[in-house]
Amino acid sequence: MMRCIYTLANLLFVFYSLTGMSDKNISFHNVEAKAGDGVFSLLRRYQLADEYCNIEQFYTINKLSKSDFLKAGREYTLPVYIYSYNGKSIRSTIGEDNWQKALRIKEYNEWLQSNEIRTADYTADKKLWVPHHELHCASDEGPTIAKASATAKSEAFKKHERSYPLFGKKYEKVKVVDESLKGQVFYLVSGHGGPDPGTNYSGYSQRICEDEYAYDVALRVARDLMQHGATVEIIVRDRNDGIRDERLLTCDYDEYYKGDIKIVRHQLTRLAARTKVINDLYRSYKKKGYKNQKAIMIHVDSQNQSRRQDVYFYHYKNSKSSKALATSLQQTFKAKYAKYQKNRGYKGFVKDRGLFMLRNTLPTAVYIELANIKNKDDHKRLLIKENRQALANWIFEGVIDKP
């Protein structure tokens, strides 16, 4: 109880210091975490996860470190300020004469009501919800002192452009926009490769192969992670493919493992070599003090051509962190389907499975099946570049939601 009072007192002090508002005008919104919630999934429910300053503020006001779990049933303070609406206008209520900002805040409150997060209109109950980023992050009206600091930090990171030829000419330049994932290591492992293209489909002008589409999505995930300061190790590699935007990706056999290690045909030997690359890197990073390491294994499934299959996830049954990671991914995809394909439904599942890679890799690992390569409806998920990028973005969000 004392900790909650102390947290709220600190939050009040910071907020009033920045705004000069009276404590009679403002309260705060607390929310109870659900089972399986991570910081990103919790903030996503309130449309707060797209602004990184909201995420930083959530960690600050709740006195959490970037590696902390949220505890189901515990209340957390959201980066949302609740003003006593003065009955005149949003601008006069928050003390800022910016019409565009007022419009965004109005639309945010309407969205909260339409999604049954709040039960009454702000003009009726006199409670105006204002997201943290509207007040204390870079905006369209020119920064305050606090905003200027956030803007300068953002601009400084944007200057950190790095080159990764493995992504191909179009995508090789990667701008680091923040360092929110600094100190975290991710292993991107696309399925099959080399002499084994995985499952395939021959109903187009050229054959489509599992390993090519898994590799393309893996590279896109890697790029997303790098933009936020993560250390990323791409295990299966191809020198001349890179991230590709074509619908039909050419099947080839020239993939190799990091370290110029040849991929052999014999399956068990191939998987053992792949596991060794990951585990050797894991031990090396662990000696350097890296505690947060994850392996993301990306595949494309093959089932009866009539069966449409949503993205689903396997975890290792003896690893709580593996299950938590798979669950976080599944919840992210469920939320995205609810937002972008409301009437379709989502049937992607989480299961434990004793796969060699899940059993034998040292970092927390998850195994992802993107689609059924035999099903033409599922092909839309694979062949359209925007959909491959969406898959990558959603995987990115899911894997950073759990420590």
Protein backbone atom coordinates (compact mmCIF):
# COMPACT_ATOMS: atom_id res chain seq x y z
CA MET A 1 0.00 0.00 0.00
CA MET A 2 2.79 2.42 0.93
CA ARG A 3 4.53 1.65 -2.37
CA CYS A 4 1.36 2.55 -4.33
CA ILE A 5 1.06 5.85 -2.41
CA TYR A 6 4.72 6.61 -3.02
CA THR A 7 4.41 5.84 -6.75
CA LEU A 8 1.35 8.06 -7.09
CA ALA A 9 3.04 10.86 -5.14
CA ASN A 10 6.05 10.73 -7.47
CA LEU A 11 3.81 10.71 -10.51
CA LEU A 12 1.90 13.72 -9.20
CA PHE A 13 5.14 15.60 -8.57
CA VAL A 14 6.48 14.89 -12.06
CA PHE A 15 3.21 15.73 -13.74
CA TYR A 16 2.63 18.97 -11.88
CA SER A 17 6.23 20.03 -12.43
CA LEU A 18 5.73 19.66 -16.18
CA THR A 19 2.28 21.20 -16.47
CA GLY A 20 1.77 23.48 -13.50
CA MET A 21 -1.77 22.01 -13.13
CA SER A 22 -3.60 21.82 -9.83
CA ASP A 23 -4.13 18.38 -8.32
CA LYS A 24 -7.86 19.18 -8.18
CA ASN A 25 -8.05 18.89 -11.97
CA ILE A 26 -6.30 15.58 -12.53
CA SER A 27 -6.51 11.93 -11.54
CA PHE A 28 -4.97 8.82 -13.03
CA HIS A 29 -6.18 5.60 -14.56
CA ASN A 30 -5.12 2.31 -13.01
CA VAL A 31 -5.77 -1.06 -14.61
CA GLU A 32 -5.47 -4.63 -13.39
CA ALA A 33 -3.12 -6.82 -15.42
CA LYS A 34 -4.59 -9.97 -16.89
CA ALA A 35 -2.92 -13.39 -17.00
CA GLY A 36 -0.31 -13.37 -19.76
CA ASP A 37 -0.13 -9.58 -20.01
CA GLY A 38 3.15 -7.91 -20.92
CA VAL A 39 3.79 -4.18 -21.00
CA PHE A 40 3.17 -3.93 -24.73
CA SER A 41 -0.02 -6.01 -24.77
CA LEU A 42 -1.43 -4.04 -21.83
CA LEU A 43 -0.67 -0.68 -23.45
CA ARG A 44 -1.96 -1.91 -26.81
CA ARG A 45 -5.42 -2.36 -25.30
CA TYR A 46 -5.47 1.37 -24.63
CA GLN A 47 -3.84 2.42 -27.94
CA LEU A 48 -0.71 3.57 -26.12
CA ALA A 49 1.95 1.18 -27.43
CA ASP A 50 2.68 3.00 -30.70
CA GLU A 51 4.34 5.92 -28.91
CA TYR A 52 7.57 4.86 -27.26
CA CYS A 53 7.44 7.68 -24.71
CA ASN A 54 4.26 6.07 -23.31
CA ILE A 55 6.16 2.83 -22.82
CA GLU A 56 9.03 4.62 -21.08
CA GLN A 57 6.58 6.49 -18.86
CA PHE A 58 4.81 3.25 -17.91
CA TYR A 59 8.10 1.75 -16.71
CA THR A 60 8.95 4.93 -14.81
CA ILE A 61 5.67 5.53 -12.97
CA ASN A 62 5.33 1.87 -12.01
CA LYS A 63 8.99 1.58 -10.99
CA LEU A 64 9.62 -1.38 -13.29
CA SER A 65 12.77 -2.46 -15.05
CA LYS A 66 12.72 -3.54 -18.70
CA SER A 67 13.09 -7.18 -17.63
CA ASP A 68 10.20 -7.27 -15.14
CA PHE A 69 7.10 -9.39 -15.66
CA LEU A 70 3.68 -7.90 -15.02
CA LYS A 71 1.80 -9.75 -12.28
CA ALA A 72 -1.73 -10.87 -13.03
CA GLY A 73 -4.24 -9.29 -10.65
CA ARG A 74 -1.97 -6.40 -9.71
CA GLU A 75 -2.96 -2.83 -10.58
CA TYR A 76 -0.66 -0.67 -12.69
CA THR A 77 -0.85 3.04 -13.46
CA LEU A 78 -1.30 3.82 -17.14
CA PRO A 79 0.32 6.85 -18.81
CA VAL A 80 -3.13 8.43 -19.12
CA TYR A 81 -4.13 11.61 -17.25
CA ILE A 82 -7.79 12.10 -16.39
CA TYR A 83 -8.81 15.75 -16.31
CA SER A 84 -11.97 17.18 -14.81
CA TYR A 85 -13.65 18.41 -17.97
CA ASN A 86 -14.69 22.06 -17.56
CA GLY A 87 -17.74 21.79 -19.79
CA LYS A 88 -16.38 24.33 -22.27
CA SER A 89 -13.69 22.77 -24.45
CA ILE A 90 -10.83 20.27 -24.45
CA ARG A 91 -8.32 23.04 -25.14
CA SER A 92 -9.33 25.13 -22.14
CA THR A 93 -9.50 22.00 -19.97
CA ILE A 94 -5.90 20.95 -20.67
CA GLY A 95 -4.61 24.53 -20.99
CA GLU A 96 -3.28 24.20 -24.54
CA ASP A 97 -4.65 26.05 -27.57
CA ASN A 98 -3.99 23.40 -30.19
CA TRP A 99 -7.04 22.40 -32.21
CA GLN A 100 -5.44 19.31 -33.82
CA LYS A 101 -4.35 17.99 -30.45
CA ALA A 102 -7.82 18.59 -29.01
CA LEU A 103 -9.34 16.70 -31.94
CA ARG A 104 -7.03 13.71 -31.37
CA ILE A 105 -7.91 13.66 -27.67
CA LYS A 106 -11.63 13.84 -28.53
CA GLU A 107 -11.26 10.91 -30.96
CA TYR A 108 -9.30 8.94 -28.36
CA ASN A 109 -12.10 9.36 -25.81
CA GLU A 110 -14.67 8.34 -28.42
CA TRP A 111 -12.60 5.24 -29.23
CA LEU A 112 -12.44 4.33 -25.53
CA GLN A 113 -16.22 4.55 -25.28
CA SER A 114 -16.88 2.64 -28.52
CA ASN A 115 -14.66 -0.18 -27.25
CA GLU A 116 -16.42 -0.18 -23.86
CA ILE A 117 -13.27 0.77 -21.98
CA ARG A 118 -15.17 3.69 -20.54
CA THR A 119 -18.95 3.75 -20.16
CA ALA A 120 -19.86 7.43 -20.59
CA ASP A 121 -18.97 10.34 -22.85
CA TYR A 122 -16.49 12.80 -21.34
CA THR A 123 -19.04 15.62 -21.70
CA ALA A 124 -21.46 13.61 -19.56
CA ASP A 125 -19.24 12.31 -16.75
CA LYS A 126 -16.83 15.28 -16.93
CA LYS A 127 -13.77 13.00 -17.16
CA LEU A 128 -11.40 13.67 -20.05
CA TRP A 129 -8.75 11.01 -20.72
CA VAL A 130 -5.50 12.41 -22.12
CA PRO A 131 -2.65 10.09 -23.22
CA HIS A 132 0.80 10.97 -21.93
CA HIS A 133 2.26 11.37 -25.44
CA GLU A 134 -0.14 14.21 -26.24
CA LEU A 135 1.35 16.30 -23.45
CA HIS A 136 4.97 15.32 -23.06
CA CYS A 137 6.29 13.96 -26.34
CA ALA A 138 7.16 15.61 -29.64
CA SER A 139 4.04 17.11 -31.23
CA ASP A 140 2.92 19.25 -34.15
CA GLU A 141 2.92 22.48 -32.20
CA GLY A 142 6.53 22.84 -31.12
CA PRO A 143 8.11 21.27 -28.04
CA THR A 144 8.03 22.32 -24.45
CA ILE A 145 11.19 21.70 -22.43
CA ALA A 146 10.13 18.11 -21.79
CA LYS A 147 9.15 17.61 -25.43
CA ALA A 148 12.39 19.15 -26.65
CA SER A 149 14.34 16.60 -24.64
CA ALA A 150 12.34 13.71 -26.10
CA THR A 151 12.68 15.16 -29.59
CA ALA A 152 16.44 15.61 -29.28
CA LYS A 153 16.83 12.03 -28.06
CA SER A 154 14.73 10.73 -30.93
CA GLU A 155 16.65 12.74 -33.51
CA ALA A 156 19.97 11.58 -32.07
CA PHE A 157 18.98 7.95 -32.54
CA LYS A 158 17.74 8.57 -36.06
CA LYS A 159 21.25 9.62 -37.00
CA HIS A 160 22.50 6.15 -36.05
CA GLU A 161 22.18 4.56 -39.44
CA ARG A 162 23.91 1.24 -39.89
CA SER A 163 24.45 -0.91 -42.93
CA TYR A 164 23.56 -4.62 -43.12
CA PRO A 165 24.23 -5.93 -46.66
CA LEU A 166 22.50 -9.19 -45.76
CA PHE A 167 19.18 -7.34 -46.05
CA GLY A 168 19.82 -6.47 -49.72
CA LYS A 169 20.38 -3.06 -51.34
CA LYS A 170 16.86 -1.72 -50.79
CA TYR A 171 16.75 -2.50 -47.08
CA GLU A 172 20.39 -2.60 -45.97
CA LYS A 173 20.34 0.83 -44.29
CA VAL A 174 18.84 0.47 -40.81
CA LYS A 175 18.07 3.54 -38.70
CA VAL A 176 18.22 2.97 -34.95
CA VAL A 177 15.24 4.97 -33.68
CA ASP A 178 15.70 4.13 -30.00
CA GLU A 179 17.61 1.76 -27.71
CA SER A 180 14.64 0.18 -25.96
CA LEU A 181 16.01 -3.33 -26.69
CA LYS A 182 19.63 -2.59 -25.87
CA GLY A 183 21.19 -5.50 -24.00
CA GLN A 184 18.81 -8.07 -25.48
CA VAL A 185 19.94 -10.75 -27.93
CA PHE A 186 17.66 -12.36 -30.52
CA TYR A 187 18.48 -15.38 -32.70
CA LEU A 188 16.48 -15.44 -35.95
CA VAL A 189 16.30 -18.98 -37.33
CA SER A 190 14.42 -19.53 -40.57
CA GLY A 191 13.51 -23.15 -41.27
CA HIS A 192 15.41 -25.53 -43.59
CA GLY A 193 17.78 -24.03 -46.20
CA GLY A 194 20.66 -25.27 -48.30
CA PRO A 195 19.89 -28.66 -49.84
CA ASP A 196 16.54 -28.78 -47.98
CA PRO A 197 14.00 -26.16 -49.18
CA GLY A 198 11.36 -27.53 -46.82
CA THR A 199 7.80 -27.99 -47.98
CA ASN A 200 6.78 -26.50 -51.34
CA TYR A 201 3.88 -25.81 -53.70
CA SER A 202 3.91 -26.08 -57.50
CA GLY A 203 0.63 -24.46 -58.55
CA TYR A 204 2.15 -21.24 -59.92
CA SER A 205 4.47 -20.35 -62.78
CA GLN A 206 7.32 -21.30 -60.47
CA ARG A 207 7.54 -23.40 -57.34
CA ILE A 208 7.30 -21.67 -53.95
CA CYS A 209 9.46 -23.04 -51.14
CA GLU A 210 9.11 -22.87 -47.38
CA ASP A 211 12.68 -21.79 -46.67
CA GLU A 212 12.49 -18.71 -48.93
CA TYR A 213 9.39 -17.25 -47.28
CA ALA A 214 10.52 -18.14 -43.76
CA TYR A 215 13.85 -16.44 -44.52
CA ASP A 216 12.22 -13.28 -45.88
CA VAL A 217 10.02 -12.88 -42.80
CA ALA A 218 12.97 -13.65 -40.50
CA LEU A 219 15.03 -10.87 -42.09
CA ARG A 220 12.15 -8.44 -41.68
CA VAL A 221 11.82 -9.35 -37.99
CA ALA A 222 15.58 -8.91 -37.57
CA ARG A 223 15.42 -5.45 -39.11
CA ASP A 224 12.54 -4.42 -36.82
CA LEU A 225 14.53 -5.54 -33.78
CA MET A 226 17.71 -3.76 -34.89
CA GLN A 227 15.82 -0.48 -35.27
CA HIS A 228 15.27 -0.58 -31.52
CA GLY A 229 18.83 -1.36 -30.48
CA ALA A 230 18.66 -5.16 -30.15
CA THR A 231 21.59 -7.43 -30.88
CA VAL A 232 20.40 -9.81 -33.61
CA GLU A 233 22.09 -12.97 -34.83
CA ILE A 234 20.72 -14.28 -38.14
CA ILE A 235 21.54 -18.00 -38.09
CA VAL A 236 20.47 -19.15 -41.57
CA ARG A 237 21.83 -16.81 -44.27
CA ASP A 238 21.82 -16.22 -48.01
CA ARG A 239 24.35 -13.79 -49.52
CA ASN A 240 22.30 -12.79 -52.56
CA ASP A 241 18.64 -12.90 -51.51
CA GLY A 242 18.13 -10.20 -48.91
CA ILE A 243 14.63 -8.91 -48.14
CA ARG A 244 12.59 -9.33 -51.31
CA ASP A 245 9.32 -7.72 -52.39
CA GLU A 246 8.41 -10.13 -55.20
CA ARG A 247 5.36 -12.37 -54.87
CA LEU A 248 7.14 -15.50 -56.10
CA LEU A 249 10.50 -15.90 -54.37
CA THR A 250 12.97 -18.01 -56.35
CA CYS A 251 13.93 -21.28 -54.69
CA ASP A 252 17.67 -21.82 -54.40
CA TYR A 253 20.07 -23.97 -52.39
CA ASP A 254 22.90 -21.62 -51.40
CA GLU A 255 21.95 -20.86 -47.78
CA TYR A 256 24.53 -21.41 -45.06
CA TYR A 257 24.86 -20.99 -41.30
CA LYS A 258 26.46 -17.98 -39.63
CA GLY A 259 30.21 -18.51 -39.65
CA ASP A 260 30.20 -19.80 -43.25
CA ILE A 261 29.12 -23.24 -42.07
CA LYS A 262 27.74 -25.46 -44.81
CA ILE A 263 24.20 -26.79 -44.44
CA VAL A 264 24.22 -30.54 -45.03
CA ARG A 265 21.41 -32.78 -46.26
CA HIS A 266 21.20 -35.17 -43.30
CA GLN A 267 18.49 -33.75 -41.04
CA LEU A 268 19.81 -34.59 -37.58
CA THR A 269 23.34 -33.45 -38.49
CA ARG A 270 21.88 -30.26 -39.94
CA LEU A 271 19.83 -29.49 -36.83
CA ALA A 272 22.72 -30.30 -34.50
CA ALA A 273 24.98 -27.88 -36.38
CA ARG A 274 22.32 -25.16 -36.24
CA THR A 275 21.86 -25.70 -32.51
CA LYS A 276 25.61 -25.54 -31.88
CA VAL A 277 25.88 -22.16 -33.64
CA ILE A 278 23.13 -20.76 -31.41
CA ASN A 279 24.42 -22.28 -28.17
CA ASP A 280 28.02 -21.17 -28.77
CA LEU A 281 26.79 -17.61 -29.32
CA TYR A 282 24.51 -17.85 -26.29
CA ARG A 283 27.39 -18.84 -24.01
CA SER A 284 29.55 -16.06 -25.42
CA TYR A 285 26.90 -13.41 -24.82
CA LYS A 286 26.14 -14.80 -21.36
CA LYS A 287 29.80 -14.38 -20.37
CA LYS A 288 29.52 -10.74 -21.45
CA GLY A 289 26.56 -10.24 -19.11
CA TYR A 290 23.63 -10.57 -21.52
CA LYS A 291 20.76 -12.13 -19.56
CA ASN A 292 17.86 -11.70 -21.97
CA GLN A 293 18.27 -13.97 -25.00
CA LYS A 294 15.56 -15.43 -27.25
CA ALA A 295 15.50 -17.70 -30.29
CA ILE A 296 12.73 -17.25 -32.87
CA MET A 297 12.31 -20.17 -35.26
CA ILE A 298 10.16 -19.44 -38.31
CA HIS A 299 8.61 -22.08 -40.56
CA VAL A 300 5.78 -22.63 -43.05
CA ASP A 301 3.52 -25.63 -42.48
CA SER A 302 2.19 -28.19 -44.97
CA GLN A 303 -1.27 -29.65 -44.49
CA ASN A 304 -4.24 -30.68 -46.61
CA GLN A 305 -4.84 -28.02 -49.27
CA SER A 306 -8.41 -27.43 -48.06
CA ARG A 307 -7.30 -26.48 -44.56
CA ARG A 308 -6.74 -22.81 -43.87
CA GLN A 309 -4.30 -22.40 -40.99
CA ASP A 310 -3.75 -19.29 -38.88
CA VAL A 311 -0.28 -18.53 -37.50
CA TYR A 312 0.41 -20.80 -34.53
CA PHE A 313 3.17 -21.39 -32.01
CA TYR A 314 5.06 -24.22 -30.32
CA HIS A 315 6.99 -24.00 -27.04
CA TYR A 316 9.12 -26.41 -25.02
CA LYS A 317 6.96 -27.96 -22.29
CA ASN A 318 9.64 -27.78 -19.58
CA SER A 319 10.30 -24.06 -20.09
CA LYS A 320 8.00 -21.49 -18.49
CA SER A 321 9.71 -18.69 -20.39
CA SER A 322 9.22 -20.53 -23.69
CA LYS A 323 5.50 -20.92 -22.98
CA ALA A 324 5.21 -17.27 -21.93
CA LEU A 325 6.89 -16.17 -25.15
CA ALA A 326 4.60 -18.33 -27.32
CA THR A 327 1.56 -17.08 -25.42
CA SER A 328 2.59 -13.46 -25.84
CA LEU A 329 2.95 -13.98 -29.59
CA GLN A 330 -0.42 -15.68 -29.85
CA GLN A 331 -2.11 -12.87 -27.90
CA THR A 332 -0.49 -10.28 -30.15
CA PHE A 333 -1.79 -12.00 -33.27
CA LYS A 334 -5.23 -12.40 -31.71
CA ALA A 335 -5.36 -8.67 -30.97
CA LYS A 336 -4.20 -7.79 -34.49
CA TYR A 337 -6.81 -10.03 -36.10
CA ALA A 338 -9.50 -8.47 -33.89
CA LYS A 339 -8.43 -5.03 -35.09
CA TYR A 340 -7.75 -5.63 -38.79
CA GLN A 341 -9.98 -8.63 -39.60
CA LYS A 342 -12.82 -8.23 -37.14
CA ASN A 343 -15.27 -10.63 -38.74
CA ARG A 344 -12.79 -13.36 -39.65
CA GLY A 345 -11.83 -14.71 -36.26
CA TYR A 346 -8.46 -16.13 -35.26
CA LYS A 347 -7.74 -19.78 -34.47
CA GLY A 348 -3.97 -19.74 -34.01
CA PHE A 349 -2.98 -21.85 -31.01
CA VAL A 350 -0.15 -22.44 -28.56
CA LYS A 351 1.07 -25.99 -27.87
CA ASP A 352 4.11 -27.70 -26.40
CA ARG A 353 6.09 -29.94 -28.71
CA GLY A 354 9.32 -31.85 -28.26
CA LEU A 355 11.06 -30.59 -31.39
CA PHE A 356 14.84 -30.97 -31.55
CA MET A 357 15.46 -27.22 -31.76
CA LEU A 358 13.16 -26.42 -28.85
CA ARG A 359 14.69 -29.15 -26.69
CA ASN A 360 18.32 -28.38 -27.38
CA THR A 361 18.78 -24.63 -27.76
CA LEU A 362 19.85 -22.76 -24.63
CA PRO A 363 18.03 -19.42 -25.06
CA THR A 364 14.28 -19.16 -24.55
CA ALA A 365 12.85 -20.43 -27.82
CA VAL A 366 9.61 -20.34 -29.77
CA TYR A 367 8.68 -22.13 -33.00
CA ILE A 368 6.32 -20.30 -35.38
CA GLU A 369 4.31 -21.75 -38.27
CA LEU A 370 3.25 -18.90 -40.58
CA ALA A 371 0.72 -20.62 -42.88
CA ASN A 372 -0.26 -23.77 -44.75
CA ILE A 373 1.74 -23.66 -47.98
CA LYS A 374 -0.79 -25.95 -49.68
CA ASN A 375 -3.76 -23.62 -49.08
CA LYS A 376 -4.33 -20.81 -51.60
CA ASP A 377 -6.07 -18.55 -49.07
CA ASP A 378 -3.00 -18.83 -46.84
CA HIS A 379 -0.83 -17.88 -49.81
CA LYS A 380 -2.03 -14.28 -49.46
CA ARG A 381 -0.20 -14.19 -46.15
CA LEU A 382 3.02 -15.32 -47.83
CA LEU A 383 3.04 -13.92 -51.36
CA ILE A 384 2.05 -10.30 -50.66
CA LYS A 385 5.03 -8.30 -49.40
CA GLU A 386 2.90 -6.08 -47.16
CA ASN A 387 1.55 -9.19 -45.47
CA ARG A 388 5.03 -10.60 -44.93
CA GLN A 389 5.99 -7.29 -43.33
CA ALA A 390 2.86 -7.35 -41.17
CA LEU A 391 3.79 -10.86 -40.00
CA ALA A 392 7.26 -9.58 -39.11
CA ASN A 393 5.90 -6.54 -37.29
CA TRP A 394 3.47 -8.63 -35.24
CA ILE A 395 6.17 -11.15 -34.37
CA PHE A 396 8.37 -8.24 -33.33
CA GLU A 397 5.68 -6.91 -31.01
CA GLY A 398 4.98 -10.33 -29.55
CA VAL A 399 8.59 -11.22 -28.74
CA ILE A 400 9.38 -7.92 -27.03
CA ASP A 401 6.31 -8.23 -24.81
CA LYS A 402 7.95 -10.79 -22.52
CA PRO A 403 11.36 -10.73 -20.79
